[in-house]
């Protein structure tokens, strides 16, 4: 059999992908991956914001439930729990004064409270100043809403009217604190306190809690001194008017994990946080992305 002649036509051979084409393909893939990762990061960021808002809303409801349940107008945002009951005898005069105030707060919450209480649940009544535990606002939030703390979990208060830390039947916590977000944090004013803090969804900072005792009388020097945050007040030159003046403030540090210092802040404009972060950075602007229970958006945005 004869084969057809090729008539002298050269055969075309497909060359491989050139270096330029390969680089173009790689560049396109890199761009697409960058867009995808940015989208994923945005979704994650949004999910965290939603969770923070949800946490703050539920904590707000739980604090109101605490006040209703115990017939009090104020859930303490700084307190001393002294196991031997000798409130007001601390060697430090400032702590002794706080102990005396704390004794009154505890009696209002539990009118039949017995003298000695194992507050830290270690099975021993520690006497003297070593058994005097100061709780800052973030710790108060977990203690009063979660109850006794055992193995780094909140198990609720005892139903005993004389000993809320006693054994036996316990009430359910007013807030279901996930144990993986409860941590022991170092606090400047409390030393090695055995009481837990509730960490927000960004993973490093606790939810802060500061309360007004009798209306517009927040502790101006802060119930959260370790975080360096003062209660927020309206940005007025001559009037000291706090936000949520008759209740309390709950604050998250936001995605930058840095708290603003608190103090004067304008709910209409977000000032001073609405301004751009200067260079070098200034701590006065750190609250720009913080969330709270007294404003519906980040503190750096106005209404």
Protein backbone atom coordinates (compact mmCIF):
# COMPACT_ATOMS: atom_id res chain seq x y z
CA UNK A 1 0.00 0.00 0.00
CA UNK A 2 1.28 3.40 -0.90
CA UNK A 3 1.18 6.23 1.60
CA UNK A 4 0.10 9.66 0.61
CA UNK A 5 2.99 12.00 0.07
CA UNK A 6 3.29 14.91 2.48
CA UNK A 7 3.80 17.20 -0.44
CA UNK A 8 6.79 18.69 1.26
CA UNK A 9 4.65 20.45 3.98
CA UNK A 10 6.43 20.76 7.31
CA UNK A 11 4.64 19.32 10.37
CA UNK A 12 3.55 21.80 13.09
CA UNK A 13 4.74 20.93 16.54
CA UNK A 14 3.09 22.72 19.56
CA UNK A 15 5.77 24.38 21.60
CA UNK A 16 5.62 24.17 25.45
CA UNK A 17 4.34 26.99 27.67
CA UNK A 18 6.69 29.91 27.57
CA UNK A 19 8.17 31.48 30.71
CA UNK A 20 6.11 34.64 30.17
CA UNK A 21 2.88 32.64 29.94
CA UNK A 22 3.79 30.72 33.09
CA UNK A 23 4.47 33.92 35.01
CA UNK A 24 1.14 35.37 33.85
CA UNK A 25 -0.73 32.27 35.04
CA UNK A 26 1.08 32.34 38.40
CA UNK A 27 0.29 36.05 38.80
CA UNK A 28 -3.39 35.47 38.09
CA UNK A 29 -3.55 32.62 40.58
CA UNK A 30 -1.83 34.79 43.20
CA UNK A 31 -4.34 37.62 42.63
CA UNK A 32 -7.28 35.21 42.88
CA UNK A 33 -5.88 33.67 46.07
CA UNK A 34 -5.36 37.13 47.54
CA UNK A 35 -8.95 38.07 46.79
CA UNK A 36 -10.16 34.78 48.23
CA UNK A 37 -8.15 35.19 51.43
CA UNK A 38 -9.31 38.79 51.82
CA UNK A 39 -12.89 37.60 51.44
CA UNK A 40 -12.38 34.82 53.99
CA UNK A 41 -10.76 37.25 56.41
CA UNK A 42 -13.64 39.68 55.98
CA UNK A 43 -16.15 36.92 56.70
CA UNK A 44 -14.22 35.89 59.81
CA UNK A 45 -14.00 39.48 60.98
CA UNK A 46 -17.71 39.95 60.46
CA UNK A 47 -18.48 36.74 62.33
CA UNK A 48 -16.37 37.88 65.28
CA UNK A 49 -18.12 41.25 65.35
CA UNK A 50 -21.50 39.54 65.36
CA UNK A 51 -20.39 37.27 68.22
CA UNK A 52 -19.09 40.23 70.24
CA UNK A 53 -22.37 42.09 69.80
CA UNK A 54 -24.27 38.97 70.77
CA UNK A 55 -22.09 38.42 73.87
CA UNK A 56 -22.58 42.02 74.99
CA UNK A 57 -26.33 41.82 74.46
CA UNK A 58 -26.62 38.58 76.44
CA UNK A 59 -24.36 39.88 79.22
CA UNK A 60 -26.50 43.01 79.45
CA UNK A 61 -29.64 40.91 79.82
CA UNK A 62 -27.94 38.71 82.43
CA UNK A 63 -26.88 41.70 84.55
CA UNK A 64 -30.47 42.98 84.50
CA UNK A 65 -31.67 39.51 85.54
CA UNK A 66 -29.19 39.51 88.44
CA UNK A 67 -30.48 42.84 89.69
CA UNK A 68 -34.11 41.72 89.40
CA UNK A 69 -33.45 38.37 91.09
CA UNK A 70 -31.65 39.88 94.09
CA UNK A 71 -33.80 43.02 94.29
CA UNK A 72 -30.84 45.35 93.93
CA UNK A 73 -30.26 48.34 91.66
CA UNK A 74 -26.54 47.68 91.34
CA UNK A 75 -24.36 44.66 90.54
CA UNK A 76 -20.90 45.49 91.94
CA UNK A 77 -18.10 46.19 89.47
CA UNK A 78 -15.35 46.09 92.08
CA UNK A 79 -15.58 44.13 95.29
CA UNK A 80 -13.56 42.44 98.02
CA UNK A 81 -14.44 38.89 99.06
CA UNK A 82 -12.92 38.29 102.50
CA UNK A 83 -13.11 34.70 103.68
CA UNK A 84 -12.76 35.29 107.45
CA UNK A 85 -15.51 37.92 107.43
CA UNK A 86 -13.30 40.58 109.06
CA UNK A 87 -14.19 43.26 106.51
CA UNK A 88 -12.53 46.61 107.07
CA UNK A 89 -9.45 45.25 108.86
CA UNK A 90 -7.05 45.02 105.93
CA UNK A 91 -3.59 46.48 106.58
CA UNK A 92 -3.94 48.65 103.48
CA UNK A 93 -6.30 51.51 104.33
CA UNK A 94 -7.63 51.80 100.77
CA UNK A 95 -8.43 48.08 100.62
CA UNK A 96 -9.95 48.26 104.12
CA UNK A 97 -12.34 50.98 102.93
CA UNK A 98 -13.27 48.87 99.92
CA UNK A 99 -13.83 45.90 102.23
CA UNK A 100 -16.33 47.88 104.31
CA UNK A 101 -18.24 48.94 101.19
CA UNK A 102 -18.11 45.37 99.88
CA UNK A 103 -19.61 43.98 103.09
CA UNK A 104 -22.67 46.19 102.55
CA UNK A 105 -22.97 45.18 98.90
CA UNK A 106 -22.79 41.48 99.75
CA UNK A 107 -25.41 41.82 102.49
CA UNK A 108 -27.78 43.49 100.07
CA UNK A 109 -27.36 40.60 97.64
CA UNK A 110 -27.45 37.85 100.29
CA UNK A 111 -29.14 39.30 103.43
CA UNK A 112 -28.58 36.08 105.43
CA UNK A 113 -24.93 35.69 104.43
CA UNK A 114 -22.89 33.92 107.10
CA UNK A 115 -19.67 35.43 108.41
CA UNK A 116 -17.10 33.05 106.97
CA UNK A 117 -17.30 31.91 103.33
CA UNK A 118 -14.91 29.86 101.20
CA UNK A 119 -15.11 32.27 98.28
CA UNK A 120 -12.33 30.73 96.20
CA UNK A 121 -13.59 27.17 96.70
CA UNK A 122 -10.27 25.69 97.82
CA UNK A 123 -11.84 23.95 100.83
CA UNK A 124 -10.17 26.24 103.40
CA UNK A 125 -11.24 29.48 105.11
CA UNK A 126 -8.09 31.57 104.69
CA UNK A 127 -7.78 34.06 107.54
CA UNK A 128 -6.17 37.48 107.52
CA UNK A 129 -5.32 39.63 104.52
CA UNK A 130 -4.25 36.54 102.53
CA UNK A 131 -7.92 35.58 102.34
CA UNK A 132 -9.03 39.01 101.09
CA UNK A 133 -9.64 38.84 97.32
CA UNK A 134 -10.19 41.98 95.23
CA UNK A 135 -12.22 41.51 92.05
CA UNK A 136 -12.03 44.10 89.27
CA UNK A 137 -14.94 44.70 86.92
CA UNK A 138 -14.18 41.94 84.42
CA UNK A 139 -13.88 39.43 87.28
CA UNK A 140 -17.09 40.70 88.91
CA UNK A 141 -18.93 40.11 85.64
CA UNK A 142 -18.01 36.41 85.69
CA UNK A 143 -18.39 35.92 89.45
CA UNK A 144 -21.84 37.42 89.91
CA UNK A 145 -23.30 35.99 86.69
CA UNK A 146 -21.54 32.62 86.81
CA UNK A 147 -21.40 31.80 90.52
CA UNK A 148 -18.85 29.55 92.19
CA UNK A 149 -15.77 28.74 90.13
CA UNK A 150 -14.50 25.16 90.24
CA UNK A 151 -11.82 23.78 87.91
CA UNK A 152 -11.95 27.01 85.90
CA UNK A 153 -15.65 26.65 85.17
CA UNK A 154 -18.70 28.52 86.48
CA UNK A 155 -21.09 26.18 88.32
CA UNK A 156 -23.61 28.65 89.78
CA UNK A 157 -24.31 29.70 93.35
CA UNK A 158 -25.66 27.43 96.05
CA UNK A 159 -29.36 27.72 96.87
CA UNK A 160 -28.40 28.18 100.54
CA UNK A 161 -29.38 31.74 101.57
CA UNK A 162 -26.55 31.79 104.14
CA UNK A 163 -23.72 30.45 101.99
CA UNK A 164 -23.88 31.05 98.22
CA UNK A 165 -20.62 29.09 97.83
CA UNK A 166 -21.85 26.03 99.72
CA UNK A 167 -22.22 22.51 98.42
CA UNK A 168 -25.47 20.84 97.51
CA UNK A 169 -28.09 22.13 95.11
CA UNK A 170 -26.91 24.94 92.86
CA UNK A 171 -28.73 27.48 90.75
CA UNK A 172 -27.89 27.65 87.06
CA UNK A 173 -25.54 30.52 86.10
CA UNK A 174 -27.29 33.58 84.66
CA UNK A 175 -24.86 33.49 81.74
CA UNK A 176 -23.52 30.33 80.15
CA UNK A 177 -19.81 31.12 80.07
CA UNK A 178 -17.93 28.85 77.63
CA UNK A 179 -15.04 27.38 79.60
CA UNK A 180 -12.57 27.79 76.72
CA UNK A 181 -12.98 31.57 77.00
CA UNK A 182 -12.56 31.82 80.77
CA UNK A 183 -9.04 32.73 81.86
CA UNK A 184 -7.08 33.75 84.91
CA UNK A 185 -5.59 37.14 84.08
CA UNK A 186 -3.01 39.18 85.93
CA UNK A 187 -4.58 42.25 87.56
CA UNK A 188 -2.55 45.08 89.01
CA UNK A 189 -4.92 45.72 91.92
CA UNK A 190 -5.76 42.11 92.76
CA UNK A 191 -2.43 40.33 92.65
CA UNK A 192 -2.69 36.58 92.10
CA UNK A 193 -6.49 36.50 92.20
CA UNK A 194 -8.05 33.06 91.64
CA UNK A 195 -11.12 34.54 89.93
CA UNK A 196 -11.79 34.24 86.21
CA UNK A 197 -12.33 36.74 83.38
CA UNK A 198 -14.41 36.26 80.20
CA UNK A 199 -12.34 36.73 77.03
CA UNK A 200 -13.99 38.20 73.93
CA UNK A 201 -13.97 36.47 70.53
CA UNK A 202 -10.74 38.20 69.47
CA UNK A 203 -8.97 36.02 71.99
CA UNK A 204 -6.82 38.14 74.30
CA UNK A 205 -8.84 40.77 76.17
CA UNK A 206 -11.70 40.38 78.65
CA UNK A 207 -15.06 42.09 78.53
CA UNK A 208 -14.82 45.04 80.91
CA UNK A 209 -17.66 45.90 83.28
CA UNK A 210 -18.21 49.17 85.16
CA UNK A 211 -21.38 50.07 87.06
CA UNK A 212 -23.07 53.15 88.46
CA UNK A 213 -24.17 52.65 92.07
CA UNK A 214 -26.84 55.32 92.41
CA UNK A 215 -27.05 57.00 89.01
CA UNK A 216 -24.29 58.94 87.23
CA UNK A 217 -21.75 58.04 89.92
CA UNK A 218 -19.38 55.63 88.19
CA UNK A 219 -15.97 55.28 89.77
CA UNK A 220 -14.13 58.02 87.88
CA UNK A 221 -10.78 56.29 88.43
CA UNK A 222 -12.20 53.06 86.94
CA UNK A 223 -13.29 49.70 88.25
CA UNK A 224 -10.97 48.15 85.64
CA UNK A 225 -7.61 49.76 86.49
CA UNK A 226 -5.57 46.89 85.05
CA UNK A 227 -7.03 47.63 81.61
CA UNK A 228 -6.43 51.37 82.05
CA UNK A 229 -10.01 52.24 81.07
CA UNK A 230 -12.19 54.87 82.75
CA UNK A 231 -15.99 54.90 82.43
CA UNK A 232 -17.19 56.69 79.30
CA UNK A 233 -18.92 60.06 79.66
CA UNK A 234 -20.36 62.57 77.25
CA UNK A 235 -17.88 64.92 75.63
CA UNK A 236 -19.20 68.06 77.29
CA UNK A 237 -16.89 70.74 78.67
CA UNK A 238 -18.75 71.56 81.87
CA UNK A 239 -21.14 68.65 82.59
CA UNK A 240 -20.06 65.27 83.96
CA UNK A 241 -22.66 62.97 82.42
CA UNK A 242 -21.83 59.30 81.96
CA UNK A 243 -23.16 57.05 79.20
CA UNK A 244 -25.68 54.59 80.65
CA UNK A 245 -25.62 56.88 83.64
CA UNK A 246 -28.13 54.83 85.67
CA UNK A 247 -26.81 51.35 84.92
CA UNK A 248 -23.51 49.95 83.63
CA UNK A 249 -21.02 49.78 80.78
CA UNK A 250 -19.68 46.63 79.10
CA UNK A 251 -16.78 47.05 76.66
CA UNK A 252 -14.86 44.86 74.19
CA UNK A 253 -11.40 45.89 72.94
CA UNK A 254 -12.30 45.07 69.32
CA UNK A 255 -10.16 43.58 66.58
CA UNK A 256 -6.99 45.51 67.46
CA UNK A 257 -7.16 44.02 70.98
CA UNK A 258 -6.42 47.44 72.51
CA UNK A 259 -8.75 49.38 74.77
CA UNK A 260 -9.28 53.09 74.48
CA UNK A 261 -8.73 55.01 77.73
CA UNK A 262 -12.40 55.92 78.19
CA UNK A 263 -13.38 59.32 79.52
CA UNK A 264 -14.94 61.95 77.25
CA UNK A 265 -16.50 60.50 74.08
CA UNK A 266 -19.15 61.90 71.72
CA UNK A 267 -21.84 59.40 70.71
CA UNK A 268 -22.93 61.56 67.76
CA UNK A 269 -19.56 61.82 66.06
CA UNK A 270 -17.38 59.16 67.67
CA UNK A 271 -14.91 61.87 68.68
CA UNK A 272 -12.05 61.48 69.52
CA UNK A 273 -11.89 58.00 67.97
CA UNK A 274 -13.30 59.14 64.64
CA UNK A 275 -9.95 60.78 63.91
CA UNK A 276 -7.27 58.77 62.12
CA UNK A 277 -4.63 57.05 64.21
CA UNK A 278 -1.62 59.37 64.23
CA UNK A 279 1.96 58.33 63.61
CA UNK A 280 3.55 57.37 65.90
CA UNK A 281 0.45 55.62 67.38
CA UNK A 282 -1.28 57.29 70.29
CA UNK A 283 -3.10 55.22 72.92
CA UNK A 284 -5.82 57.87 73.04
CA UNK A 285 -7.10 56.52 69.70
CA UNK A 286 -7.07 52.82 70.57
CA UNK A 287 -10.82 52.70 71.27
CA UNK A 288 -11.74 53.34 67.64
CA UNK A 289 -12.91 49.75 67.02
CA UNK A 290 -14.14 48.97 70.55
CA UNK A 291 -17.71 47.75 71.09
CA UNK A 292 -19.96 48.54 74.03
CA UNK A 293 -23.49 48.17 75.37
CA UNK A 294 -24.08 51.94 75.17
CA UNK A 295 -23.45 52.37 71.43
CA UNK A 296 -24.77 50.36 68.51
CA UNK A 297 -21.58 50.44 66.43
CA UNK A 298 -17.84 50.77 66.90
CA UNK A 299 -16.96 53.65 69.17
CA UNK A 300 -15.11 55.32 66.29
CA UNK A 301 -18.38 55.80 64.41
CA UNK A 302 -21.11 58.30 65.17
CA UNK A 303 -24.85 57.75 65.08
